[in-house]
Amino acid sequence: MARDESLVVLYGTLKVGYFNYELHLKGALPIDSRRLELPYEMYENGEYPMLVPSAERHSIWVELFEVDAVKLRELDELEAPYGYWRETVLLQELSREAEIYVHAAPPPSGFTRVASGHWPRLR
C-alpha cells in the first residue's frame, strides 16, 4: 500500500456490483473479501445497511479496498449527508487498522438488525 493510500472497509452499496460502487469505485478491485469481527452491529432498511457501534464484536462480511486521499474525501462526502462518519478500526484478524463508515446508535426507525452480518441479507 502506498503512503498516501488508506485501507477502507466496505459493507454495503459501495461493494462490487452495487450502485455506489458503480458511481464511486468502478474498476477498483477489493484486495480482500471476508468476514471480520468488528465492534459494530449491522442494520438495514431494505435499501442499504449501516453499522452502529457495539460493546461486542460482530461478524461482518466486508470488502477491503485501498483508496487514495482524494477518493477517501469523495467517500466522506457521499456518506456524511446520511449521518455516517468515518473512523479508524483495528482489524484484529489482519493486525492492522482501516477506515470504516459507521452511524450513531440506535439505528433510525425502519432499520432492522442483520444477524448474519451480511448485506444483502442471506436468505
Protein backbone atom coordinates (compact mmCIF):
# COMPACT_ATOMS: atom_id res chain seq x y z
CA MET A 1 0.00 0.00 0.00
CA ALA A 2 1.41 3.39 -0.99
CA ARG A 3 1.92 6.00 1.71
CA ASP A 4 -0.96 8.15 0.51
CA GLU A 5 -3.43 5.25 0.43
CA SER A 6 -5.78 4.10 3.14
CA LEU A 7 -7.39 0.73 3.69
CA VAL A 8 -11.16 1.14 3.79
CA VAL A 9 -13.72 -1.44 4.97
CA LEU A 10 -16.91 -1.51 2.87
CA TYR A 11 -20.04 -3.50 3.65
CA GLY A 12 -22.95 -2.02 1.68
CA THR A 13 -23.71 -0.18 -1.54
CA LEU A 14 -20.01 0.51 -2.18
CA LYS A 15 -19.29 -3.22 -2.58
CA VAL A 16 -18.63 -4.56 -6.07
CA GLY A 17 -21.82 -4.81 -8.10
CA TYR A 18 -23.89 -2.26 -6.17
CA PHE A 19 -24.92 1.21 -7.31
CA ASN A 20 -22.46 3.29 -5.28
CA TYR A 21 -19.59 1.05 -6.39
CA GLU A 22 -20.53 1.82 -9.99
CA LEU A 23 -20.58 5.57 -9.22
CA HIS A 24 -17.51 5.86 -6.98
CA LEU A 25 -15.20 2.84 -7.27
CA LYS A 26 -15.91 1.32 -10.69
CA GLY A 27 -12.87 -0.58 -11.93
CA ALA A 28 -11.25 -0.82 -8.50
CA LEU A 29 -10.91 -4.32 -7.14
CA PRO A 30 -11.07 -5.25 -3.46
CA ILE A 31 -7.80 -6.52 -2.05
CA ASP A 32 -9.79 -8.93 0.12
CA SER A 33 -13.37 -10.06 0.81
CA ARG A 34 -14.01 -11.77 4.13
CA ARG A 35 -15.75 -11.86 7.46
CA LEU A 36 -14.20 -9.72 10.16
CA GLU A 37 -15.05 -9.44 13.83
CA LEU A 38 -15.81 -5.74 14.28
CA PRO A 39 -17.10 -3.64 17.20
CA TYR A 40 -20.28 -2.81 15.28
CA GLU A 41 -23.70 -4.31 14.70
CA MET A 42 -25.33 -4.33 11.25
CA TYR A 43 -28.81 -2.98 10.48
CA GLU A 44 -30.61 -2.39 7.18
CA ASN A 45 -33.77 -0.82 5.83
CA GLY A 46 -34.23 -2.82 2.61
CA GLU A 47 -32.20 -0.33 0.55
CA TYR A 48 -28.88 -0.08 2.36
CA PRO A 49 -27.14 -1.21 5.55
CA MET A 50 -25.45 0.62 8.39
CA LEU A 51 -23.08 -0.35 11.15
CA VAL A 52 -23.62 1.10 14.61
CA PRO A 53 -21.11 0.94 17.46
CA SER A 54 -21.46 -2.05 19.77
CA ALA A 55 -19.83 -3.10 23.04
CA GLU A 56 -19.35 -6.55 21.50
CA ARG A 57 -17.69 -7.59 18.26
CA HIS A 58 -19.89 -9.00 15.50
CA SER A 59 -19.01 -10.98 12.38
CA ILE A 60 -19.49 -8.71 9.36
CA TRP A 61 -18.92 -9.61 5.68
CA VAL A 62 -16.79 -6.87 4.09
CA GLU A 63 -14.71 -5.94 1.09
CA LEU A 64 -11.39 -4.18 1.69
CA PHE A 65 -10.19 -1.52 -0.74
CA GLU A 66 -7.10 0.63 -0.91
CA VAL A 67 -8.01 4.21 -1.80
CA ASP A 68 -6.05 7.44 -2.10
CA ALA A 69 -6.77 10.60 -0.10
CA VAL A 70 -8.85 12.13 -2.89
CA LYS A 71 -11.11 9.05 -3.10
CA LEU A 72 -11.40 8.90 0.70
CA ARG A 73 -12.64 12.52 0.75
CA GLU A 74 -15.13 11.63 -2.02
CA LEU A 75 -16.44 8.74 0.08
CA ASP A 76 -16.66 11.05 3.12
CA GLU A 77 -18.79 13.45 1.05
CA LEU A 78 -21.02 10.58 -0.08
CA GLU A 79 -21.63 9.24 3.45
CA ALA A 80 -21.80 12.42 5.59
CA PRO A 81 -25.24 13.67 4.45
CA TYR A 82 -26.75 10.38 5.63
CA GLY A 83 -25.31 10.65 9.13
CA TYR A 84 -22.32 8.35 8.62
CA TRP A 85 -18.84 9.24 9.76
CA ARG A 86 -15.51 7.61 9.14
CA GLU A 87 -13.47 6.20 11.98
CA THR A 88 -10.39 4.06 12.31
CA VAL A 89 -10.88 0.48 13.45
CA LEU A 90 -8.39 -2.23 14.34
CA LEU A 91 -8.82 -5.29 12.15
CA GLN A 92 -7.64 -7.90 14.63
CA GLU A 93 -7.57 -10.70 12.05
CA LEU A 94 -5.16 -8.67 9.89
CA SER A 95 -3.27 -6.90 12.70
CA ARG A 96 -3.78 -3.53 11.05
CA GLU A 97 -6.02 -0.50 11.12
CA ALA A 98 -8.53 0.56 8.47
CA GLU A 99 -11.13 3.22 7.89
CA ILE A 100 -14.84 2.36 8.17
CA TYR A 101 -18.12 4.29 7.87
CA VAL A 102 -20.49 3.99 10.80
CA HIS A 103 -23.73 5.54 12.07
CA ALA A 104 -24.87 6.52 15.54
CA ALA A 105 -26.74 4.01 17.70
CA PRO A 106 -29.55 3.28 17.97
CA PRO A 107 -30.29 2.98 14.26
CA PRO A 108 -33.10 5.11 12.83
CA SER A 109 -36.69 3.89 12.74
CA GLY A 110 -37.30 1.40 9.94
CA PHE A 111 -33.94 -0.37 10.27
CA THR A 112 -33.79 -3.98 11.40
CA ARG A 113 -30.85 -5.98 12.71
CA VAL A 114 -28.96 -8.18 10.23
CA ALA A 115 -27.86 -11.04 12.48
CA SER A 116 -25.88 -12.70 9.67
CA GLY A 117 -23.68 -9.59 9.27
CA HIS A 118 -24.06 -9.99 5.51
CA TRP A 119 -25.84 -7.44 3.33
CA PRO A 120 -27.97 -8.01 1.45
CA ARG A 121 -29.37 -10.44 3.99
CA LEU A 122 -28.59 -14.05 3.33
CA ARG A 123 -31.78 -15.94 2.62
